[in-house]
C-alpha atoms as a PDB file:
ATOM      1  CA  UNK A   1      59.082  26.474 140.039  1.00  0.00           C
ATOM      2  CA  UNK A   2      62.023  24.855 138.331  1.00  0.00           C
ATOM      3  CA  UNK A   3      64.234  27.804 139.300  1.00  0.00           C
ATOM      4  CA  UNK A   4      62.872  27.863 142.728  1.00  0.00           C
ATOM      5  CA  UNK A   5      63.761  24.206 142.907  1.00  0.00           C
ATOM      6  CA  UNK A   6      67.322  24.822 141.770  1.00  0.00           C
ATOM      7  CA  UNK A   7      67.678  27.731 144.378  1.00  0.00           C
ATOM      8  CA  UNK A   8      66.696  25.816 147.362  1.00  0.00           C
ATOM      9  CA  UNK A   9      68.665  22.689 146.154  1.00  0.00           C
ATOM     10  CA  UNK A  10      71.984  24.061 146.937  1.00  0.00           C
ATOM     11  CA  UNK A  11      74.451  22.803 149.668  1.00  0.00           C
ATOM     12  CA  UNK A  12      74.565  26.509 150.563  1.00  0.00           C
ATOM     13  CA  UNK A  13      71.851  27.735 153.015  1.00  0.00           C
ATOM     14  CA  UNK A  14      69.407  29.647 151.252  1.00  0.00           C
ATOM     15  CA  UNK A  15      67.478  32.401 153.395  1.00  0.00           C
ATOM     16  CA  UNK A  16      64.304  33.401 151.445  1.00  0.00           C
ATOM     17  CA  UNK A  17      62.287  36.420 152.149  1.00  0.00           C
ATOM     18  CA  UNK A  18      58.593  36.464 151.080  1.00  0.00           C
ATOM     19  CA  UNK A  19      57.405  40.038 150.907  1.00  0.00           C
ATOM     20  CA  UNK A  20      55.084  42.299 149.351  1.00  0.00           C
ATOM     21  CA  UNK A  21      55.758  45.869 147.829  1.00  0.00           C
ATOM     22  CA  UNK A  22      52.750  47.053 149.452  1.00  0.00           C
ATOM     23  CA  UNK A  23      53.869  46.264 152.848  1.00  0.00           C
ATOM     24  CA  UNK A  24      54.757  49.531 154.545  1.00  0.00           C
ATOM     25  CA  UNK A  25      58.173  48.518 156.175  1.00  0.00           C
ATOM     26  CA  UNK A  26      59.748  47.081 153.252  1.00  0.00           C
ATOM     27  CA  UNK A  27      62.498  49.649 152.910  1.00  0.00           C
ATOM     28  CA  UNK A  28      63.692  48.839 156.486  1.00  0.00           C
ATOM     29  CA  UNK A  29      63.538  45.303 155.767  1.00  0.00           C
ATOM     30  CA  UNK A  30      65.510  45.338 152.526  1.00  0.00           C
ATOM     31  CA  UNK A  31      68.338  47.394 154.568  1.00  0.00           C
ATOM     32  CA  UNK A  32      68.222  44.397 157.201  1.00  0.00           C
ATOM     33  CA  UNK A  33      68.702  41.901 154.526  1.00  0.00           C
ATOM     34  CA  UNK A  34      71.731  43.492 152.789  1.00  0.00           C
ATOM     35  CA  UNK A  35      73.247  43.691 156.161  1.00  0.00           C
ATOM     36  CA  UNK A  36      72.473  39.832 156.669  1.00  0.00           C
ATOM     37  CA  UNK A  37      73.785  39.160 152.809  1.00  0.00           C
ATOM     38  CA  UNK A  38      77.080  41.278 153.791  1.00  0.00           C
ATOM     39  CA  UNK A  39      77.821  39.496 156.966  1.00  0.00           C
ATOM     40  CA  UNK A  40      76.993  36.022 155.761  1.00  0.00           C
ATOM     41  CA  UNK A  41      79.280  36.469 152.605  1.00  0.00           C
ATOM     42  CA  UNK A  42      79.938  33.336 150.428  1.00  0.00           C
ATOM     43  CA  UNK A  43      78.448  31.147 153.435  1.00  0.00           C
ATOM     44  CA  UNK A  44      74.717  31.684 152.522  1.00  0.00           C
ATOM     45  CA  UNK A  45      72.399  32.932 149.887  1.00  0.00           C
ATOM     46  CA  UNK A  46      70.050  35.783 150.712  1.00  0.00           C
ATOM     47  CA  UNK A  47      66.948  36.169 148.371  1.00  0.00           C
ATOM     48  CA  UNK A  48      63.848  38.114 148.046  1.00  0.00           C
ATOM     49  CA  UNK A  49      60.803  36.834 146.366  1.00  0.00           C
ATOM     50  CA  UNK A  50      57.710  39.445 146.170  1.00  0.00           C
ATOM     51  CA  UNK A  51      54.693  37.286 146.621  1.00  0.00           C
ATOM     52  CA  UNK A  52      52.514  39.313 144.431  1.00  0.00           C
ATOM     53  CA  UNK A  53      54.730  38.377 141.386  1.00  0.00           C
ATOM     54  CA  UNK A  54      54.912  35.059 142.371  1.00  0.00           C
ATOM     55  CA  UNK A  55      51.383  34.203 143.603  1.00  0.00           C
ATOM     56  CA  UNK A  56      51.747  30.546 142.489  1.00  0.00           C
ATOM     57  CA  UNK A  57      54.746  29.679 144.494  1.00  0.00           C
ATOM     58  CA  UNK A  58      53.442  31.666 147.526  1.00  0.00           C
ATOM     59  CA  UNK A  59      50.253  29.583 147.239  1.00  0.00           C
ATOM     60  CA  UNK A  60      52.194  26.265 146.936  1.00  0.00           C
ATOM     61  CA  UNK A  61      54.242  27.428 150.142  1.00  0.00           C
ATOM     62  CA  UNK A  62      51.143  28.533 152.028  1.00  0.00           C
ATOM     63  CA  UNK A  63      52.790  31.944 152.556  1.00  0.00           C
ATOM     64  CA  UNK A  64      50.014  33.853 154.447  1.00  0.00           C
ATOM     65  CA  UNK A  65      51.769  36.755 156.222  1.00  0.00           C
ATOM     66  CA  UNK A  66      54.789  39.297 155.107  1.00  0.00           C
ATOM     67  CA  UNK A  67      57.202  38.958 155.600  1.00  0.00           C
ATOM     68  CA  UNK A  68      58.089  35.264 155.820  1.00  0.00           C
ATOM     69  CA  UNK A  69      61.441  34.027 156.019  1.00  0.00           C
ATOM     70  CA  UNK A  70      62.350  30.386 155.206  1.00  0.00           C
ATOM     71  CA  UNK A  71      65.667  28.827 155.396  1.00  0.00           C
ATOM     72  CA  UNK A  72      66.609  25.969 152.978  1.00  0.00           C
ATOM     73  CA  UNK A  73      69.459  23.711 152.566  1.00  0.00           C
ATOM     74  CA  UNK A  74      69.758  20.669 150.136  1.00  0.00           C
ATOM     75  CA  UNK A  75      66.019  21.129 148.906  1.00  0.00           C
ATOM     76  CA  UNK A  76      64.931  20.477 152.721  1.00  0.00           C
ATOM     77  CA  UNK A  77      63.013  23.467 154.576  1.00  0.00           C
ATOM     78  CA  UNK A  78      65.143  23.960 157.878  1.00  0.00           C
ATOM     79  CA  UNK A  79      63.350  27.039 159.386  1.00  0.00           C
ATOM     80  CA  UNK A  80      60.438  29.177 158.629  1.00  0.00           C
ATOM     81  CA  UNK A  81      59.067  32.185 160.722  1.00  0.00           C
ATOM     82  CA  UNK A  82      56.484  35.039 159.833  1.00  0.00           C
ATOM     83  CA  UNK A  83      56.982  38.412 160.954  1.00  0.00           C
ATOM     84  CA  UNK A  84      59.781  40.883 161.330  1.00  0.00           C
ATOM     85  CA  UNK A  85      63.499  39.529 162.326  1.00  0.00           C
ATOM     86  CA  UNK A  86      66.390  41.687 163.157  1.00  0.00           C
ATOM     87  CA  UNK A  87      69.499  41.280 161.216  1.00  0.00           C
ATOM     88  CA  UNK A  88      71.576  39.653 163.860  1.00  0.00           C
ATOM     89  CA  UNK A  89      68.888  37.097 164.659  1.00  0.00           C
ATOM     90  CA  UNK A  90      68.591  36.195 160.799  1.00  0.00           C
ATOM     91  CA  UNK A  91      72.368  35.806 160.695  1.00  0.00           C
ATOM     92  CA  UNK A  92      72.951  33.451 163.612  1.00  0.00           C
ATOM     93  CA  UNK A  93      69.992  31.255 162.391  1.00  0.00           C
ATOM     94  CA  UNK A  94      71.519  30.740 158.815  1.00  0.00           C
ATOM     95  CA  UNK A  95      74.911  30.334 160.451  1.00  0.00           C
ATOM     96  CA  UNK A  96      73.365  27.300 162.259  1.00  0.00           C
ATOM     97  CA  UNK A  97      72.981  25.382 158.931  1.00  0.00           C
ATOM     98  CA  UNK A  98      76.356  26.591 157.227  1.00  0.00           C
END
């Protein structure tokens, strides 16, 4: 939890993907996130968190569905959505907080 606090406390927007490895579409989602990270470069961080390995954090944030995307900036949640998103949508959402 301490590392999570440091992660989301940054002035740089942080897009977090809460996912589960047992989800069938995870391979496609990983390539989408690579595209998002490449497009944003140093303007934002893109982080993936496996809910099965971080159950306490997932429970604290009430992550009910996968994938769940959350954008944080300065420790504050700016946007949250559960369900698939395409790369262009994620890029434009994160760029609103750069």
